[in-house]
PDB file of N, CA and C in Angstrom:
ATOM      1  N   MET A   1     122.162 229.350  52.512  1.00  0.00           N
ATOM      2  CA  MET A   1     122.876 228.156  52.109  1.00  0.00           C
ATOM      3  C   MET A   1     121.859 227.093  51.684  1.00  0.00           C
ATOM      4  N   PRO A   2     121.974 226.528  50.468  1.00  0.00           N
ATOM      5  CA  PRO A   2     121.021 225.525  50.004  1.00  0.00           C
ATOM      6  C   PRO A   2     121.133 224.238  50.809  1.00  0.00           C
ATOM      7  N   ASN A   3     120.009 223.588  50.995  1.00  0.00           N
ATOM      8  CA  ASN A   3     120.023 222.278  51.625  1.00  0.00           C
ATOM      9  C   ASN A   3     119.392 221.273  50.670  1.00  0.00           C
ATOM     10  N   SER A   4     119.266 220.023  51.091  1.00  0.00           N
ATOM     11  CA  SER A   4     118.799 218.982  50.176  1.00  0.00           C
ATOM     12  C   SER A   4     117.358 219.190  49.727  1.00  0.00           C
ATOM     13  N   THR A   5     116.568 219.947  50.468  1.00  0.00           N
ATOM     14  CA  THR A   5     115.180 220.155  50.058  1.00  0.00           C
ATOM     15  C   THR A   5     115.029 221.296  49.078  1.00  0.00           C
ATOM     16  N   THR A   6     116.035 222.166  48.968  1.00  0.00           N
ATOM     17  CA  THR A   6     115.927 223.290  48.039  1.00  0.00           C
ATOM     18  C   THR A   6     116.879 223.191  46.860  1.00  0.00           C
ATOM     19  N   SER A   7     117.883 222.348  46.947  1.00  0.00           N
ATOM     20  CA  SER A   7     118.876 222.287  45.874  1.00  0.00           C
ATOM     21  C   SER A   7     118.443 221.406  44.713  1.00  0.00           C
ATOM     22  N   GLY A   8     117.413 220.609  44.892  1.00  0.00           N
ATOM     23  CA  GLY A   8     116.964 219.738  43.825  1.00  0.00           C
ATOM     24  C   GLY A   8     117.701 218.417  43.762  1.00  0.00           C
ATOM     25  N   ILE A   9     118.558 218.155  44.712  1.00  0.00           N
ATOM     26  CA  ILE A   9     119.304 216.900  44.728  1.00  0.00           C
ATOM     27  C   ILE A   9     118.777 216.050  45.873  1.00  0.00           C
ATOM     28  N   THR A  10     118.378 214.830  45.532  1.00  0.00           N
ATOM     29  CA  THR A  10     117.886 213.890  46.530  1.00  0.00           C
ATOM     30  C   THR A  10     118.536 212.541  46.281  1.00  0.00           C
ATOM     31  N   SER A  11     119.008 211.925  47.321  1.00  0.00           N
ATOM     32  CA  SER A  11     119.607 210.603  47.204  1.00  0.00           C
ATOM     33  C   SER A  11     118.523 209.560  47.459  1.00  0.00           C
ATOM     34  N   VAL A  12     118.437 208.581  46.558  1.00  0.00           N
ATOM     35  CA  VAL A  12     117.449 207.516  46.705  1.00  0.00           C
ATOM     36  C   VAL A  12     118.169 206.181  46.596  1.00  0.00           C
ATOM     37  N   LYS A  13     117.949 205.312  47.571  1.00  0.00           N
ATOM     38  CA  LYS A  13     118.538 203.979  47.527  1.00  0.00           C
ATOM     39  C   LYS A  13     117.584 203.076  46.746  1.00  0.00           C
ATOM     40  N   LEU A  14     118.005 202.664  45.557  1.00  0.00           N
ATOM     41  CA  LEU A  14     117.149 201.885  44.669  1.00  0.00           C
ATOM     42  C   LEU A  14     117.252 200.382  44.898  1.00  0.00           C
ATOM     43  N   GLY A  15     118.319 199.948  45.555  1.00  0.00           N
ATOM     44  CA  GLY A  15     118.478 198.519  45.822  1.00  0.00           C
ATOM     45  C   GLY A  15     118.458 197.704  44.541  1.00  0.00           C
ATOM     46  N   HIS A  16     117.714 196.590  44.568  1.00  0.00           N
ATOM     47  CA  HIS A  16     117.647 195.682  43.415  1.00  0.00           C
ATOM     48  C   HIS A  16     117.011 196.331  42.182  1.00  0.00           C
ATOM     49  N   ARG A  17     116.304 197.420  42.366  1.00  0.00           N
ATOM     50  CA  ARG A  17     115.642 198.108  41.250  1.00  0.00           C
ATOM     51  C   ARG A  17     116.650 198.765  40.299  1.00  0.00           C
ATOM     52  N   LYS A  18     117.821 199.079  40.818  1.00  0.00           N
ATOM     53  CA  LYS A  18     118.811 199.818  40.022  1.00  0.00           C
ATOM     54  C   LYS A  18     119.218 199.046  38.770  1.00  0.00           C
ATOM     55  N   SER A  19     119.449 197.748  38.896  1.00  0.00           N
ATOM     56  CA  SER A  19     119.850 196.971  37.715  1.00  0.00           C
ATOM     57  C   SER A  19     118.695 196.853  36.724  1.00  0.00           C
ATOM     58  N   ASP A  20     117.476 196.713  37.218  1.00  0.00           N
ATOM     59  CA  ASP A  20     116.310 196.672  36.323  1.00  0.00           C
ATOM     60  C   ASP A  20     116.163 197.989  35.575  1.00  0.00           C
ATOM     61  N   LEU A  21     116.313 199.091  36.296  1.00  0.00           N
ATOM     62  CA  LEU A  21     116.220 200.407  35.658  1.00  0.00           C
ATOM     63  C   LEU A  21     117.332 200.603  34.631  1.00  0.00           C
ATOM     64  N   ALA A  22     118.527 200.156  34.964  1.00  0.00           N
ATOM     65  CA  ALA A  22     119.658 200.297  34.035  1.00  0.00           C
ATOM     66  C   ALA A  22     119.398 199.505  32.756  1.00  0.00           C
ATOM     67  N   GLN A  23     118.826 198.317  32.891  1.00  0.00           N
ATOM     68  CA  GLN A  23     118.515 197.501  31.719  1.00  0.00           C
ATOM     69  C   GLN A  23     117.452 198.192  30.855  1.00  0.00           C
ATOM     70  N   ILE A  24     116.395 198.675  31.479  1.00  0.00           N
ATOM     71  CA  ILE A  24     115.335 199.377  30.747  1.00  0.00           C
ATOM     72  C   ILE A  24     115.895 200.627  30.078  1.00  0.00           C
ATOM     73  N   ALA A  25     116.684 201.378  30.821  1.00  0.00           N
ATOM     74  CA  ALA A  25     117.271 202.605  30.273  1.00  0.00           C
ATOM     75  C   ALA A  25     118.126 202.292  29.047  1.00  0.00           C
ATOM     76  N   GLY A  26     118.910 201.239  29.120  1.00  0.00           N
ATOM     77  CA  GLY A  26     119.747 200.863  27.986  1.00  0.00           C
ATOM     78  C   GLY A  26     118.923 200.497  26.762  1.00  0.00           C
ATOM     79  N   LEU A  27     117.863 199.726  26.982  1.00  0.00           N
ATOM     80  CA  LEU A  27     117.007 199.315  25.864  1.00  0.00           C
ATOM     81  C   LEU A  27     116.280 200.503  25.237  1.00  0.00           C
ATOM     82  N   GLN A  28     115.944 201.488  26.058  1.00  0.00           N
ATOM     83  CA  GLN A  28     115.221 202.663  25.562  1.00  0.00           C
ATOM     84  C   GLN A  28     116.162 203.802  25.178  1.00  0.00           C
ATOM     85  N   LYS A  29     117.453 203.543  25.288  1.00  0.00           N
ATOM     86  CA  LYS A  29     118.463 204.576  24.998  1.00  0.00           C
ATOM     87  C   LYS A  29     118.180 205.850  25.799  1.00  0.00           C
ATOM     88  N   ARG A  30     117.964 205.650  27.088  1.00  0.00           N
ATOM     89  CA  ARG A  30     117.706 206.747  28.019  1.00  0.00           C
ATOM     90  C   ARG A  30     118.617 206.556  29.221  1.00  0.00           C
ATOM     91  N   THR A  31     118.577 207.517  30.119  1.00  0.00           N
ATOM     92  CA  THR A  31     119.352 207.396  31.351  1.00  0.00           C
ATOM     93  C   THR A  31     118.438 206.920  32.476  1.00  0.00           C
ATOM     94  N   VAL A  32     119.048 206.303  33.477  1.00  0.00           N
ATOM     95  CA  VAL A  32     118.289 205.911  34.665  1.00  0.00           C
ATOM     96  C   VAL A  32     117.668 207.156  35.285  1.00  0.00           C
ATOM     97  N   HIS A  33     118.423 208.241  35.295  1.00  0.00           N
ATOM     98  CA  HIS A  33     117.924 209.503  35.850  1.00  0.00           C
ATOM     99  C   HIS A  33     116.615 209.911  35.169  1.00  0.00           C
ATOM    100  N   SER A  34     116.563 209.839  33.837  1.00  0.00           N
ATOM    101  CA  SER A  34     115.350 210.263  33.130  1.00  0.00           C
ATOM    102  C   SER A  34     114.173 209.353  33.459  1.00  0.00           C
ATOM    103  N   LEU A  35     114.436 208.049  33.634  1.00  0.00           N
ATOM    104  CA  LEU A  35     113.363 207.125  34.009  1.00  0.00           C
ATOM    105  C   LEU A  35     112.823 207.439  35.399  1.00  0.00           C
ATOM    106  N   VAL A  36     113.725 207.711  36.328  1.00  0.00           N
ATOM    107  CA  VAL A  36     113.306 208.021  37.699  1.00  0.00           C
ATOM    108  C   VAL A  36     112.520 209.326  37.734  1.00  0.00           C
ATOM    109  N   ILE A  37     112.992 210.342  37.021  1.00  0.00           N
ATOM    110  CA  ILE A  37     112.276 211.625  36.972  1.00  0.00           C
ATOM    111  C   ILE A  37     110.881 211.420  36.394  1.00  0.00           C
ATOM    112  N   GLU A  38     110.787 210.653  35.298  1.00  0.00           N
ATOM    113  CA  GLU A  38     109.482 210.390  34.684  1.00  0.00           C
ATOM    114  C   GLU A  38     108.554 209.666  35.662  1.00  0.00           C
ATOM    115  N   ALA A  39     109.087 208.675  36.369  1.00  0.00           N
ATOM    116  CA  ALA A  39     108.281 207.918  37.328  1.00  0.00           C
ATOM    117  C   ALA A  39     107.795 208.811  38.468  1.00  0.00           C
ATOM    118  N   VAL A  40     108.661 209.654  38.974  1.00  0.00           N
ATOM    119  CA  VAL A  40     108.281 210.561  40.061  1.00  0.00           C
ATOM    120  C   VAL A  40     107.239 211.562  39.572  1.00  0.00           C
ATOM    121  N   ASP A  41     107.439 212.110  38.371  1.00  0.00           N
ATOM    122  CA  ASP A  41     106.460 213.054  37.813  1.00  0.00           C
ATOM    123  C   ASP A  41     105.091 212.399  37.663  1.00  0.00           C
ATOM    124  N   ARG A  42     105.070 211.174  37.142  1.00  0.00           N
ATOM    125  CA  ARG A  42     103.792 210.460  36.984  1.00  0.00           C
ATOM    126  C   ARG A  42     103.136 210.207  38.336  1.00  0.00           C
ATOM    127  N   TYR A  43     103.930 209.801  39.326  1.00  0.00           N
ATOM    128  CA  TYR A  43     103.387 209.554  40.659  1.00  0.00           C
ATOM    129  C   TYR A  43     102.769 210.825  41.234  1.00  0.00           C
ATOM    130  N   ILE A  44     103.470 211.936  41.091  1.00  0.00           N
ATOM    131  CA  ILE A  44     102.955 213.214  41.598  1.00  0.00           C
ATOM    132  C   ILE A  44     101.649 213.564  40.896  1.00  0.00           C
ATOM    133  N   GLU A  45     101.613 213.461  39.566  1.00  0.00           N
ATOM    134  CA  GLU A  45     100.399 213.785  38.806  1.00  0.00           C
ATOM    135  C   GLU A  45      99.234 212.893  39.221  1.00  0.00           C
ATOM    136  N   GLN A  46      99.477 211.580  39.334  1.00  0.00           N
ATOM    137  CA  GLN A  46      98.418 210.645  39.706  1.00  0.00           C
ATOM    138  C   GLN A  46      97.923 210.897  41.123  1.00  0.00           C
ATOM    139  N   THR A  47      98.836 211.145  42.039  1.00  0.00           N
ATOM    140  CA  THR A  47      98.454 211.382  43.427  1.00  0.00           C
ATOM    141  C   THR A  47      97.675 212.680  43.561  1.00  0.00           C
ATOM    142  N   GLN A  48      98.119 213.726  42.873  1.00  0.00           N
ATOM    143  CA  GLN A  48      97.390 214.995  42.924  1.00  0.00           C
ATOM    144  C   GLN A  48      96.009 214.857  42.296  1.00  0.00           C
ATOM    145  N   ALA A  49      95.892 214.120  41.197  1.00  0.00           N
ATOM    146  CA  ALA A  49      94.589 213.904  40.558  1.00  0.00           C
ATOM    147  C   ALA A  49      93.660 213.138  41.496  1.00  0.00           C
ATOM    148  N   LYS A  50      94.188 212.129  42.169  1.00  0.00           N
ATOM    149  CA  LYS A  50      93.388 211.354  43.125  1.00  0.00           C
ATOM    150  C   LYS A  50      92.927 212.244  44.273  1.00  0.00           C
ATOM    151  N   MET A  51      93.812 213.089  44.765  1.00  0.00           N
ATOM    152  CA  MET A  51      93.458 213.985  45.868  1.00  0.00           C
ATOM    153  C   MET A  51      92.384 214.984  45.439  1.00  0.00           C
ATOM    154  N   ARG A  52      92.481 215.506  44.200  1.00  0.00           N
ATOM    155  CA  ARG A  52      91.447 216.420  43.692  1.00  0.00           C
ATOM    156  C   ARG A  52      90.110 215.698  43.560  1.00  0.00           C
ATOM    157  N   TYR A  53      90.139 214.482  43.049  1.00  0.00           N
ATOM    158  CA  TYR A  53      88.927 213.681  42.880  1.00  0.00           C
ATOM    159  C   TYR A  53      88.266 213.419  44.233  1.00  0.00           C
ATOM    160  N   GLU A  54      89.060 213.019  45.214  1.00  0.00           N
ATOM    161  CA  GLU A  54      88.518 212.738  46.543  1.00  0.00           C
ATOM    162  C   GLU A  54      87.968 213.999  47.193  1.00  0.00           C
ATOM    163  N   ALA A  55      88.649 215.128  47.020  1.00  0.00           N
ATOM    164  CA  ALA A  55      88.168 216.395  47.585  1.00  0.00           C
ATOM    165  C   ALA A  55      86.841 216.784  46.945  1.00  0.00           C
ATOM    166  N   GLN A  56      86.714 216.583  45.626  1.00  0.00           N
ATOM    167  CA  GLN A  56      85.458 216.888  44.936  1.00  0.00           C
ATOM    168  C   GLN A  56      84.345 215.970  45.430  1.00  0.00           C
ATOM    169  N   ALA A  57      84.649 214.705  45.659  1.00  0.00           N
ATOM    170  CA  ALA A  57      83.651 213.764  46.166  1.00  0.00           C
ATOM    171  C   ALA A  57      83.169 214.188  47.551  1.00  0.00           C
ATOM    172  N   ILE A  58      84.080 214.622  48.392  1.00  0.00           N
ATOM    173  CA  ILE A  58      83.703 215.084  49.732  1.00  0.00           C
ATOM    174  C   ILE A  58      82.833 216.327  49.637  1.00  0.00           C
ATOM    175  N   ARG A  59      83.214 217.280  48.780  1.00  0.00           N
ATOM    176  CA  ARG A  59      82.397 218.489  48.600  1.00  0.00           C
ATOM    177  C   ARG A  59      81.005 218.137  48.078  1.00  0.00           C
ATOM    178  N   SER A  60      80.935 217.195  47.154  1.00  0.00           N
ATOM    179  CA  SER A  60      79.639 216.779  46.608  1.00  0.00           C
ATOM    180  C   SER A  60      78.775 216.157  47.693  1.00  0.00           C
ATOM    181  N   TYR A  61      79.360 215.306  48.510  1.00  0.00           N
ATOM    182  CA  TYR A  61      78.601 214.672  49.584  1.00  0.00           C
ATOM    183  C   TYR A  61      78.138 215.703  50.612  1.00  0.00           C
ATOM    184  N   GLU A  62      79.014 216.641  50.945  1.00  0.00           N
ATOM    185  CA  GLU A  62      78.630 217.702  51.887  1.00  0.00           C
ATOM    186  C   GLU A  62      77.498 218.548  51.314  1.00  0.00           C
ATOM    187  N   ASN A  63      77.542 218.805  50.004  1.00  0.00           N
ATOM    188  CA  ASN A  63      76.471 219.559  49.358  1.00  0.00           C
ATOM    189  C   ASN A  63      75.169 218.773  49.412  1.00  0.00           C
ATOM    190  N   TYR A  64      75.243 217.472  49.172  1.00  0.00           N
ATOM    191  CA  TYR A  64      74.050 216.628  49.259  1.00  0.00           C
ATOM    192  C   TYR A  64      73.483 216.645  50.678  1.00  0.00           C
ATOM    193  N   GLN A  65      74.347 216.537  51.682  1.00  0.00           N
ATOM    194  CA  GLN A  65      73.882 216.565  53.068  1.00  0.00           C
ATOM    195  C   GLN A  65      73.209 217.892  53.399  1.00  0.00           C
ATOM    196  N   ALA A  66      73.738 218.981  52.876  1.00  0.00           N
ATOM    197  CA  ALA A  66      73.198 220.311  53.181  1.00  0.00           C
ATOM    198  C   ALA A  66      71.904 220.590  52.430  1.00  0.00           C
ATOM    199  N   THR A  67      71.792 220.117  51.184  1.00  0.00           N
ATOM    200  CA  THR A  67      70.640 220.488  50.352  1.00  0.00           C
ATOM    201  C   THR A  67      69.656 219.354  50.112  1.00  0.00           C
ATOM    202  N   GLY A  68      70.120 218.130  50.180  1.00  0.00           N
ATOM    203  CA  GLY A  68      69.261 216.988  49.869  1.00  0.00           C
ATOM    204  C   GLY A  68      69.077 216.763  48.375  1.00  0.00           C
ATOM    205  N   LEU A  69      69.673 217.628  47.550  1.00  0.00           N
ATOM    206  CA  LEU A  69      69.531 217.491  46.100  1.00  0.00           C
ATOM    207  C   LEU A  69      70.333 216.290  45.610  1.00  0.00           C
ATOM    208  N   HIS A  70      69.697 215.517  44.708  1.00  0.00           N
ATOM    209  CA  HIS A  70      70.355 214.315  44.204  1.00  0.00           C
ATOM    210  C   HIS A  70      69.720 213.875  42.887  1.00  0.00           C
ATOM    211  N   VAL A  71      70.352 212.923  42.236  1.00  0.00           N
ATOM    212  CA  VAL A  71      69.812 212.208  41.088  1.00  0.00           C
ATOM    213  C   VAL A  71      69.934 210.734  41.444  1.00  0.00           C
ATOM    214  N   THR A  72      68.869 209.958  41.215  1.00  0.00           N
ATOM    215  CA  THR A  72      68.928 208.540  41.567  1.00  0.00           C
ATOM    216  C   THR A  72      69.750 207.772  40.537  1.00  0.00           C
ATOM    217  N   LEU A  73      70.204 206.603  40.940  1.00  0.00           N
ATOM    218  CA  LEU A  73      70.964 205.746  40.037  1.00  0.00           C
ATOM    219  C   LEU A  73      70.118 205.367  38.824  1.00  0.00           C
ATOM    220  N   ASP A  74      68.842 205.034  39.052  1.00  0.00           N
ATOM    221  CA  ASP A  74      67.958 204.676  37.936  1.00  0.00           C
ATOM    222  C   ASP A  74      67.825 205.829  36.947  1.00  0.00           C
ATOM    223  N   GLU A  75      67.690 207.053  37.454  1.00  0.00           N
ATOM    224  CA  GLU A  75      67.578 208.224  36.574  1.00  0.00           C
ATOM    225  C   GLU A  75      68.852 208.410  35.751  1.00  0.00           C
ATOM    226  N   LEU A  76      69.971 208.244  36.398  1.00  0.00           N
ATOM    227  CA  LEU A  76      71.250 208.417  35.709  1.00  0.00           C
ATOM    228  C   LEU A  76      71.470 207.315  34.671  1.00  0.00           C
ATOM    229  N   GLN A  77      71.152 206.071  35.032  1.00  0.00           N
ATOM    230  CA  GLN A  77      71.312 204.964  34.090  1.00  0.00           C
ATOM    231  C   GLN A  77      70.375 205.111  32.898  1.00  0.00           C
ATOM    232  N   ASP A  78      69.140 205.558  33.146  1.00  0.00           N
ATOM    233  CA  ASP A  78      68.177 205.775  32.068  1.00  0.00           C
ATOM    234  C   ASP A  78      68.711 206.822  31.096  1.00  0.00           C
ATOM    235  N   TRP A  79      69.239 207.908  31.633  1.00  0.00           N
ATOM    236  CA  TRP A  79      69.821 208.965  30.795  1.00  0.00           C
ATOM    237  C   TRP A  79      71.024 208.438  30.015  1.00  0.00           C
ATOM    238  N   ALA A  80      71.935 207.747  30.713  1.00  0.00           N
ATOM    239  CA  ALA A  80      73.151 207.243  30.065  1.00  0.00           C
ATOM    240  C   ALA A  80      72.809 206.255  28.950  1.00  0.00           C
ATOM    241  N   SER A  81      71.812 205.415  29.176  1.00  0.00           N
ATOM    242  CA  SER A  81      71.401 204.448  28.154  1.00  0.00           C
ATOM    243  C   SER A  81      70.866 205.132  26.907  1.00  0.00           C
ATOM    244  N   SER A  82      70.286 206.304  27.076  1.00  0.00           N
ATOM    245  CA  SER A  82      69.695 207.009  25.937  1.00  0.00           C
ATOM    246  C   SER A  82      70.743 207.708  25.071  1.00  0.00           C
ATOM    247  N   LEU A  83      71.960 207.823  25.545  1.00  0.00           N
ATOM    248  CA  LEU A  83      72.980 208.574  24.813  1.00  0.00           C
ATOM    249  C   LEU A  83      73.358 207.925  23.484  1.00  0.00           C
ATOM    250  N   ASP A  84      73.181 206.610  23.380  1.00  0.00           N
ATOM    251  CA  ASP A  84      73.490 205.915  22.128  1.00  0.00           C
ATOM    252  C   ASP A  84      72.331 205.941  21.139  1.00  0.00           C
ATOM    253  N   SER A  85      71.194 206.495  21.539  1.00  0.00           N
ATOM    254  CA  SER A  85      70.019 206.503  20.668  1.00  0.00           C
ATOM    255  C   SER A  85      70.007 207.752  19.786  1.00  0.00           C
ATOM    256  N   LEU A  86      69.087 207.769  18.847  1.00  0.00           N
ATOM    257  CA  LEU A  86      68.935 208.934  17.970  1.00  0.00           C
ATOM    258  C   LEU A  86      68.304 210.109  18.706  1.00  0.00           C
ATOM    259  N   THR A  87      67.615 209.807  19.807  1.00  0.00           N
ATOM    260  CA  THR A  87      66.973 210.872  20.594  1.00  0.00           C
ATOM    261  C   THR A  87      67.397 210.760  22.055  1.00  0.00           C
ATOM    262  N   PRO A  88      68.615 211.197  22.367  1.00  0.00           N
ATOM    263  CA  PRO A  88      69.074 211.118  23.758  1.00  0.00           C
ATOM    264  C   PRO A  88      68.224 211.993  24.669  1.00  0.00           C
ATOM    265  N   LYS A  89      68.029 211.501  25.874  1.00  0.00           N
ATOM    266  CA  LYS A  89      67.240 212.239  26.864  1.00  0.00           C
ATOM    267  C   LYS A  89      68.092 213.351  27.462  1.00  0.00           C
ATOM    268  N   PRO A  90      67.431 214.410  27.962  1.00  0.00           N
ATOM    269  CA  PRO A  90      68.198 215.464  28.635  1.00  0.00           C
ATOM    270  C   PRO A  90      68.764 214.948  29.961  1.00  0.00           C
ATOM    271  N   LEU A  91      69.845 215.537  30.375  1.00  0.00           N
ATOM    272  CA  LEU A  91      70.465 215.193  31.648  1.00  0.00           C
ATOM    273  C   LEU A  91      69.446 215.365  32.762  1.00  0.00           C
ATOM    274  N   PRO A  92      69.292 214.376  33.646  1.00  0.00           N
ATOM    275  CA  PRO A  92      68.305 214.519  34.722  1.00  0.00           C
ATOM    276  C   PRO A  92      68.680 215.658  35.671  1.00  0.00           C
ATOM    277  N   LEU A  93      67.663 216.321  36.172  1.00  0.00           N
ATOM    278  CA  LEU A  93      67.867 217.433  37.101  1.00  0.00           C
ATOM    279  C   LEU A  93      67.918 216.916  38.530  1.00  0.00           C
ATOM    280  N   CYS A  94      68.702 217.573  39.337  1.00  0.00           N
ATOM    281  CA  CYS A  94      68.759 217.237  40.755  1.00  0.00           C
ATOM    282  C   CYS A  94      67.427 217.581  41.409  1.00  0.00           C
ATOM    283  N   HIS A  95      67.024 216.765  42.372  1.00  0.00           N
ATOM    284  CA  HIS A  95      65.769 216.983  43.100  1.00  0.00           C
ATOM    285  C   HIS A  95      65.925 216.455  44.516  1.00  0.00           C
ATOM    286  N   LYS A  96      64.927 216.749  45.355  1.00  0.00           N
ATOM    287  CA  LYS A  96      64.951 216.246  46.738  1.00  0.00           C
ATOM    288  C   LYS A  96      64.171 214.968  46.839  1.00  0.00           C
TER     289      LYS A  96
END
């Protein structure tokens, strides 16, 4: 027997937001439902991207702690500054 978590139907109390959404939907010739779905999809995408970014940052820091390999800020800035020149420098290598 389907329940609310598997049937795809969720009730959300929008409160004062409902009239704002209805106005926007009318101006865009869309439904409130489509606006809410779009907003939820964007939130999910942004949150998942943030979680992936944070997980990668943690893995990078753990790798640095384990190996000591790094690139200094000055090395990175020097490289980045050269990218606009006719002779860009090679990407700096990690070192201890």
